N, C-alpha and C. Protein backbone atom coordinates (compact mmCIF):
# COMPACT_ATOMS: atom_id res chain seq x y z
N MET A 1 -5.36 6.39 -9.75
CA MET A 1 -6.17 6.08 -8.57
C MET A 1 -5.40 5.11 -7.92
N GLY A 2 -5.21 4.73 -6.74
CA GLY A 2 -4.26 4.23 -5.75
C GLY A 2 -5.08 3.38 -5.13
N THR A 3 -4.22 2.18 -4.53
CA THR A 3 -5.17 0.71 -3.83
C THR A 3 -5.38 1.23 -2.29
N GLN A 4 -6.51 0.44 -1.93
CA GLN A 4 -6.96 0.61 -0.70
C GLN A 4 -6.50 -0.72 0.22
N SER A 5 -6.27 -0.76 1.31
CA SER A 5 -5.78 -1.75 1.58
C SER A 5 -6.44 -1.56 3.44
N LYS A 6 -6.57 -2.88 3.95
CA LYS A 6 -7.08 -2.82 5.18
C LYS A 6 -5.98 -3.30 6.40
N LYS A 7 -4.81 -3.61 5.78
CA LYS A 7 -3.68 -4.08 6.29
C LYS A 7 -2.93 -3.19 6.44
N GLU A 8 -2.02 -3.10 7.54
CA GLU A 8 -0.96 -1.85 8.00
C GLU A 8 0.38 -2.20 7.04
N THR A 9 0.54 -2.97 6.43
CA THR A 9 1.76 -3.47 5.73
C THR A 9 1.33 -3.96 4.47
N VAL A 10 1.63 -3.60 3.11
CA VAL A 10 1.37 -3.95 1.91
C VAL A 10 2.36 -4.30 1.31
N THR A 11 2.31 -5.03 0.03
CA THR A 11 3.60 -5.61 -0.76
C THR A 11 3.35 -5.14 -2.34
N CYS A 12 4.50 -4.95 -2.84
CA CYS A 12 4.24 -4.36 -4.35
C CYS A 12 5.78 -5.19 -4.96
N ASP A 13 4.80 -5.69 -6.43
CA ASP A 13 5.75 -6.19 -7.05
C ASP A 13 6.03 -5.65 -8.48
N GLY A 14 5.22 -4.62 -8.83
CA GLY A 14 4.67 -4.18 -10.02
C GLY A 14 3.95 -4.43 -11.12
N GLY A 15 3.44 -5.74 -10.68
CA GLY A 15 2.63 -6.41 -11.25
C GLY A 15 3.39 -7.09 -12.64
N ALA A 16 2.73 -7.70 -13.41
CA ALA A 16 2.94 -8.55 -14.53
C ALA A 16 3.65 -7.42 -15.32
N TYR A 17 3.36 -6.54 -15.94
CA TYR A 17 4.08 -5.30 -16.97
C TYR A 17 4.97 -4.56 -16.44
N ASN A 18 4.94 -4.38 -15.05
CA ASN A 18 6.22 -3.37 -14.68
C ASN A 18 6.71 -4.35 -13.62
N GLY A 19 7.12 -5.36 -13.55
CA GLY A 19 7.91 -6.03 -12.50
C GLY A 19 9.02 -5.33 -11.85
N HIS A 20 9.08 -5.49 -10.62
CA HIS A 20 10.38 -5.11 -9.81
C HIS A 20 10.24 -6.20 -8.43
N PRO A 21 11.69 -5.86 -8.06
CA PRO A 21 11.79 -6.79 -6.52
C PRO A 21 10.67 -6.26 -5.97
N LEU A 22 10.15 -7.19 -5.03
CA LEU A 22 8.98 -7.41 -4.09
C LEU A 22 9.73 -6.34 -2.66
N VAL A 23 8.78 -5.67 -2.35
CA VAL A 23 9.12 -4.41 -1.52
C VAL A 23 7.85 -4.26 -0.52
N TYR A 24 8.01 -4.30 1.01
CA TYR A 24 6.87 -4.23 1.69
C TYR A 24 6.88 -2.92 2.16
N LEU A 25 5.68 -2.54 2.39
CA LEU A 25 5.39 -0.87 2.36
C LEU A 25 4.51 -0.63 3.58
N ASP A 26 4.94 0.10 4.84
CA ASP A 26 4.28 -0.04 5.85
C ASP A 26 3.30 1.59 5.39
N ILE A 27 1.75 1.13 5.62
CA ILE A 27 1.00 2.55 5.25
C ILE A 27 0.21 2.84 6.54
N ALA A 28 0.68 2.04 7.97
CA ALA A 28 -0.20 2.64 9.28
C ALA A 28 0.21 4.07 9.68
N LYS A 29 1.34 4.08 9.48
CA LYS A 29 1.99 5.41 10.34
C LYS A 29 1.29 6.66 9.56
N LYS A 30 1.64 7.00 8.04
CA LYS A 30 0.94 8.07 7.34
C LYS A 30 -0.08 7.77 6.92
N GLY A 31 -1.07 6.53 6.86
CA GLY A 31 -1.98 6.58 6.04
C GLY A 31 -2.19 6.03 4.64
N SER A 32 -0.55 6.46 4.05
CA SER A 32 -0.51 6.38 2.37
C SER A 32 1.03 6.32 2.37
N VAL A 33 1.11 5.70 1.12
CA VAL A 33 2.49 5.15 0.74
C VAL A 33 2.62 5.51 -0.54
N LYS A 34 3.64 5.80 -1.20
CA LYS A 34 3.94 5.57 -2.66
C LYS A 34 5.09 4.59 -2.92
N CYS A 35 5.12 3.56 -3.84
CA CYS A 35 5.94 2.45 -4.19
C CYS A 35 6.95 3.10 -4.65
N PRO A 36 8.37 2.99 -4.32
CA PRO A 36 9.56 3.48 -4.60
C PRO A 36 10.14 3.33 -5.78
N TYR A 37 9.60 1.99 -6.39
CA TYR A 37 9.85 1.80 -7.67
C TYR A 37 8.84 2.07 -9.35
N CYS A 38 7.61 1.75 -8.55
CA CYS A 38 6.61 2.19 -9.76
C CYS A 38 5.66 3.37 -9.62
N SER A 39 5.85 3.84 -8.30
CA SER A 39 4.82 4.97 -7.99
C SER A 39 3.55 4.53 -7.72
N ARG A 40 3.27 3.23 -7.41
CA ARG A 40 1.78 2.88 -7.01
C ARG A 40 1.56 3.45 -5.81
N ASP A 41 0.57 4.01 -5.42
CA ASP A 41 -0.04 4.68 -4.33
C ASP A 41 -0.90 3.65 -3.87
N PHE A 42 -0.79 3.59 -2.42
CA PHE A 42 -1.51 2.74 -1.38
C PHE A 42 -2.04 3.36 -0.17
N THR A 43 -3.30 3.40 0.35
CA THR A 43 -3.90 4.21 1.21
C THR A 43 -4.39 3.12 2.33
N HIS A 44 -4.37 3.57 3.49
CA HIS A 44 -4.91 2.70 4.45
C HIS A 44 -6.21 3.09 4.56
N ASP A 45 -7.09 1.85 4.28
CA ASP A 45 -8.52 1.86 4.39
C ASP A 45 -9.02 1.74 5.78
N PHE A 46 -8.72 2.94 6.70
CA PHE A 46 -9.63 2.81 8.02
C PHE A 46 -10.97 2.61 8.50
N ASP A 47 -11.16 1.12 8.81
CA ASP A 47 -12.60 0.79 9.06
C ASP A 47 -13.01 1.40 10.43
N GLU A 48 -13.73 2.70 10.75
CA GLU A 48 -13.88 3.36 11.97
C GLU A 48 -14.88 2.79 12.85
N LYS A 49 -15.71 1.48 12.26
CA LYS A 49 -16.50 0.59 13.22
C LYS A 49 -15.53 -0.32 14.38
N ASN A 50 -14.48 -0.60 13.37
CA ASN A 50 -13.52 -1.40 14.51
C ASN A 50 -12.72 -0.69 15.47
N GLU A 51 -12.44 0.66 15.18
CA GLU A 51 -11.69 1.17 16.01
C GLU A 51 -12.26 1.41 17.54
N THR A 52 -11.09 1.25 18.28
CA THR A 52 -11.45 1.52 19.67
C THR A 52 -11.47 3.07 20.46
């Protein structure tokens, strides 16, 4: 299961167990992205109420 975020850019450092260099990932363009180091999935949580 991945992580959802309302932000367009997320960060990943692998957490305490799977630590790796801090990376910034853009999820706004495709709606989801996978961390190139630890393969953690991030998806953009589009809030339809706030879209114009």
